[in-house]
Amino acid sequence: MAACILIPSYNAEKTIPAVVRECLEHGLPVAVVDDGSDDDTAALLSGLPVTLLRHQRNLGKGAALKTGFAWVIESGFDGVVTIDADGQHDVSAIPHLLASAQSGHWGILIASRHSQFEQMSGLRKFWNRIGVWCIWKRTGFEITDSQSGFRCYSREVLKSVHLKSNGYALEMEILLKAWKNGFAIGSLPVAARVADGRSTSHYRPIHDTFNISMIFLRYM
């Protein structure tokens, strides 16, 4: 599988250099989408062998992912691994995630933090548990972590779905639309370095959890 790594980023100057360098150790092409940062996120990548895609203003994680997905398709990759820029994900698991996605013929394979749900804050823990149960009841897929941003997507999934969300809700939207288009979705246990994100995370617990819930209800 010809694959690459995609990192959506916003004001990630404290973490992005280390995350990118660790990703580059796997020998895969790396693309970073700078979603309108007003810090040194882009400047700190100067000199590193990465593709830098930039938004003039902050549009949201979903918008950054859509920009990255378009680049993945145009570049001819068979698959892409998405990693958050805050350093919470265990980048060493990328080869395992890619190999499992290919051998299992998964359209989407999610690196699941299910074993760490108790370490999450209230709303995230609540929605992850409810979201996992609802998706299982509706689709039959045993997706054990519906919000993890550490995922492997196949080219076929990216080409088949038309995505609308610009925020965190996009990661729920793409799950539901991929399922409706007949793709298999699975989970692979991969413990995160920090289960509940970092202080640099831009996730807004009430606002973004509400939007994710609405996306689930809309497409169900």
Protein backbone atom coordinates (compact mmCIF):
# COMPACT_ATOMS: atom_id res chain seq x y z
CA MET A 1 0.00 0.00 0.00
CA ALA A 2 1.37 3.41 -0.99
CA ALA A 3 0.46 5.41 2.08
CA CYS A 4 1.20 8.76 3.67
CA ILE A 5 0.69 10.55 6.98
CA LEU A 6 -1.59 13.58 7.37
CA ILE A 7 -1.43 15.96 10.32
CA PRO A 8 -4.11 18.68 10.68
CA SER A 9 -2.62 21.49 12.78
CA TYR A 10 -3.64 24.74 14.41
CA ASN A 11 -1.38 26.79 16.69
CA ALA A 12 0.68 23.68 17.39
CA GLU A 13 4.13 25.25 17.69
CA LYS A 14 4.78 23.52 21.05
CA THR A 15 4.26 20.01 19.69
CA ILE A 16 4.34 19.89 15.88
CA PRO A 17 8.14 19.65 15.33
CA ALA A 18 8.47 16.54 17.51
CA VAL A 19 5.35 14.91 16.04
CA VAL A 20 6.55 15.49 12.46
CA ARG A 21 10.07 14.24 13.14
CA GLU A 22 8.73 11.08 14.73
CA CYS A 23 6.41 10.49 11.77
CA LEU A 24 9.27 10.96 9.31
CA GLU A 25 11.15 8.11 10.99
CA HIS A 26 8.69 5.69 9.36
CA GLY A 27 9.84 6.66 5.87
CA LEU A 28 6.39 7.71 4.68
CA PRO A 29 5.51 11.02 3.01
CA VAL A 30 4.13 13.48 5.56
CA ALA A 31 1.70 16.34 4.87
CA VAL A 32 0.80 19.00 7.43
CA VAL A 33 -2.26 21.20 7.01
CA ASP A 34 -1.74 24.48 8.86
CA ASP A 35 -5.29 25.62 9.55
CA GLY A 36 -4.69 29.37 9.75
CA SER A 37 -2.28 29.31 12.70
CA ASP A 38 -1.14 32.65 14.08
CA ASP A 39 1.90 31.20 15.85
CA ASP A 40 5.09 29.60 14.47
CA THR A 41 3.53 26.26 13.44
CA ALA A 42 4.48 26.69 9.77
CA ALA A 43 7.84 28.35 10.40
CA LEU A 44 9.01 25.50 12.62
CA LEU A 45 8.55 23.05 9.73
CA SER A 46 10.97 24.93 7.51
CA GLY A 47 13.73 22.63 6.33
CA LEU A 48 11.84 19.44 7.13
CA PRO A 49 10.89 17.15 4.19
CA VAL A 50 7.14 17.60 4.52
CA THR A 51 4.35 18.93 2.31
CA LEU A 52 2.86 22.02 3.95
CA LEU A 53 -0.71 22.97 3.01
CA ARG A 54 -2.02 26.23 4.48
CA HIS A 55 -5.35 27.92 5.14
CA GLN A 56 -5.31 31.70 5.31
CA ARG A 57 -7.64 31.62 8.30
CA ASN A 58 -8.75 29.07 10.85
CA LEU A 59 -11.56 26.95 9.38
CA GLY A 60 -11.64 23.95 11.73
CA LYS A 61 -10.18 20.47 11.99
CA GLY A 62 -12.68 19.05 9.52
CA ALA A 63 -11.74 21.65 6.92
CA ALA A 64 -8.06 20.84 7.44
CA LEU A 65 -8.77 17.15 6.96
CA LYS A 66 -10.74 17.82 3.77
CA THR A 67 -7.83 19.84 2.36
CA GLY A 68 -5.48 17.00 3.26
CA PHE A 69 -7.75 14.32 1.82
CA ALA A 70 -7.91 16.19 -1.49
CA TRP A 71 -4.10 16.23 -1.56
CA VAL A 72 -3.97 12.49 -0.78
CA ILE A 73 -6.25 11.71 -3.72
CA GLU A 74 -4.43 14.04 -6.11
CA SER A 75 -1.09 12.55 -5.08
CA GLY A 76 -2.25 9.01 -5.87
CA PHE A 77 -1.83 7.41 -2.44
CA ASP A 78 -3.74 4.21 -1.64
CA GLY A 79 -4.25 5.17 1.98
CA VAL A 80 -3.53 7.78 4.63
CA VAL A 81 -2.94 7.74 8.36
CA THR A 82 -4.22 10.80 10.23
CA ILE A 83 -2.44 11.90 13.41
CA ASP A 84 -3.32 14.80 15.71
CA ALA A 85 -0.71 17.52 16.10
CA ASP A 86 -0.76 17.64 19.90
CA GLY A 87 1.43 14.57 20.42
CA GLN A 88 -1.17 12.44 22.18
CA HIS A 89 -0.98 9.55 19.73
CA ASP A 90 1.62 6.77 19.75
CA VAL A 91 3.22 7.31 16.36
CA SER A 92 5.20 4.07 16.68
CA ALA A 93 1.90 2.21 16.01
CA ILE A 94 1.59 3.57 12.45
CA PRO A 95 3.12 0.50 10.71
CA HIS A 96 0.86 -1.82 12.71
CA LEU A 97 -2.20 0.27 11.87
CA LEU A 98 -1.36 0.29 8.15
CA ALA A 99 -0.63 -3.44 8.02
CA SER A 100 -3.85 -4.27 9.88
CA ALA A 101 -5.91 -2.01 7.62
CA GLN A 102 -4.51 -3.68 4.52
CA SER A 103 -4.78 -7.27 5.74
CA GLY A 104 -8.28 -6.75 7.08
CA HIS A 105 -9.51 -4.84 4.00
CA TRP A 106 -10.83 -2.05 6.21
CA GLY A 107 -12.14 1.11 4.60
CA ILE A 108 -11.45 2.88 7.88
CA LEU A 109 -9.44 1.48 10.77
CA ILE A 110 -9.43 3.45 14.03
CA ALA A 111 -6.65 3.31 16.61
CA SER A 112 -8.86 2.84 19.66
CA ARG A 113 -8.28 4.28 23.16
CA HIS A 114 -11.10 2.17 24.58
CA SER A 115 -8.97 0.84 27.43
CA GLN A 116 -8.36 4.42 28.59
CA PHE A 117 -11.92 5.76 28.58
CA GLU A 118 -11.94 6.07 32.39
CA GLN A 119 -9.05 8.54 32.13
CA MET A 120 -11.11 10.91 29.96
CA SER A 121 -13.04 13.93 31.20
CA GLY A 122 -16.82 13.71 31.70
CA LEU A 123 -18.30 14.74 28.36
CA ARG A 124 -15.68 13.00 26.25
CA LYS A 125 -16.04 9.78 28.22
CA PHE A 126 -19.85 9.98 28.11
CA TRP A 127 -20.08 10.64 24.37
CA ASN A 128 -17.47 8.04 23.47
CA ARG A 129 -19.39 5.37 25.37
CA ILE A 130 -22.77 6.45 23.98
CA GLY A 131 -21.38 6.95 20.48
CA VAL A 132 -19.78 3.51 20.44
CA TRP A 133 -23.06 1.88 21.57
CA CYS A 134 -25.19 3.81 19.06
CA ILE A 135 -22.92 3.04 16.12
CA TRP A 136 -22.85 -0.65 17.05
CA LYS A 137 -26.65 -0.81 17.33
CA ARG A 138 -27.15 0.99 14.00
CA THR A 139 -24.36 -0.45 11.86
CA GLY A 140 -23.25 -3.66 13.57
CA PHE A 141 -19.62 -2.51 13.51
CA GLU A 142 -17.73 -2.92 16.78
CA ILE A 143 -16.13 0.52 16.71
CA THR A 144 -14.70 0.94 20.19
CA ASP A 145 -13.59 4.59 19.90
CA SER A 146 -15.67 6.91 17.73
CA GLN A 147 -13.65 10.07 18.39
CA SER A 148 -10.02 9.02 17.95
CA GLY A 149 -8.24 11.13 15.33
CA PHE A 150 -5.59 8.41 14.84
CA ARG A 151 -7.02 6.52 11.86
CA CYS A 152 -6.21 4.86 8.56
CA TYR A 153 -8.45 5.71 5.60
CA SER A 154 -8.43 3.96 2.24
CA ARG A 155 -8.33 5.95 -0.97
CA GLU A 156 -11.66 4.41 -1.98
CA VAL A 157 -13.39 5.83 1.09
CA LEU A 158 -12.00 9.32 0.52
CA LYS A 159 -13.12 9.28 -3.12
CA SER A 160 -16.62 7.98 -2.37
CA VAL A 161 -17.81 10.34 0.37
CA HIS A 162 -18.80 13.98 0.08
CA LEU A 163 -17.99 15.64 3.39
CA LYS A 164 -19.63 18.82 4.68
CA SER A 165 -18.50 19.37 8.27
CA ASN A 166 -15.62 21.72 9.01
CA GLY A 167 -15.15 20.99 12.69
CA TYR A 168 -14.51 17.89 14.79
CA ALA A 169 -17.85 16.47 13.67
CA LEU A 170 -16.30 15.51 10.34
CA GLU A 171 -14.72 12.46 11.94
CA MET A 172 -18.19 11.18 12.85
CA GLU A 173 -19.61 12.19 9.47
CA ILE A 174 -17.05 10.20 7.52
CA LEU A 175 -17.72 7.07 9.62
CA LEU A 176 -21.43 7.16 8.91
CA LYS A 177 -21.08 8.00 5.22
CA ALA A 178 -18.46 5.29 4.70
CA TRP A 179 -20.80 2.78 6.35
CA LYS A 180 -23.70 3.88 4.14
CA ASN A 181 -21.46 3.41 1.10
CA GLY A 182 -20.71 -0.17 2.08
CA PHE A 183 -17.21 0.14 3.53
CA ALA A 184 -16.03 -1.91 6.49
CA ILE A 185 -14.98 0.04 9.58
CA GLY A 186 -12.95 -1.42 12.42
CA SER A 187 -10.94 -0.68 15.53
CA LEU A 188 -7.42 -1.62 16.57
CA PRO A 189 -6.43 -1.27 20.26
CA VAL A 190 -3.70 1.37 20.49
CA ALA A 191 -3.20 3.15 23.80
CA ALA A 192 -2.69 6.90 23.49
CA ARG A 193 0.17 8.62 25.27
CA VAL A 194 -2.41 10.97 26.78
CA ALA A 195 -5.94 9.56 26.63
CA ASP A 196 -7.79 12.85 27.03
CA GLY A 197 -5.71 15.09 24.79
CA ARG A 198 -3.36 17.83 25.99
CA SER A 199 -3.75 21.40 27.18
CA THR A 200 -2.96 22.45 23.60
CA SER A 201 -6.08 20.69 22.26
CA HIS A 202 -8.65 22.98 20.63
CA TYR A 203 -11.56 20.62 21.31
CA ARG A 204 -14.46 22.46 23.00
CA PRO A 205 -16.23 19.84 25.15
CA ILE A 206 -19.77 21.25 25.07
CA HIS A 207 -19.83 22.87 21.62
CA ASP A 208 -18.02 20.11 19.74
CA THR A 209 -19.73 17.25 21.55
CA PHE A 210 -23.10 18.80 20.64
CA ASN A 211 -22.09 19.11 16.96
CA ILE A 212 -20.87 15.51 16.85
CA SER A 213 -24.16 14.34 18.39
CA MET A 214 -26.14 16.28 15.78
CA ILE A 215 -24.14 14.75 12.95
CA PHE A 216 -24.85 11.28 14.32
CA LEU A 217 -28.59 11.97 14.54
CA ARG A 218 -28.71 13.60 11.09
CA TYR A 219 -27.10 10.74 9.22
CA MET A 220 -28.81 8.00 11.19
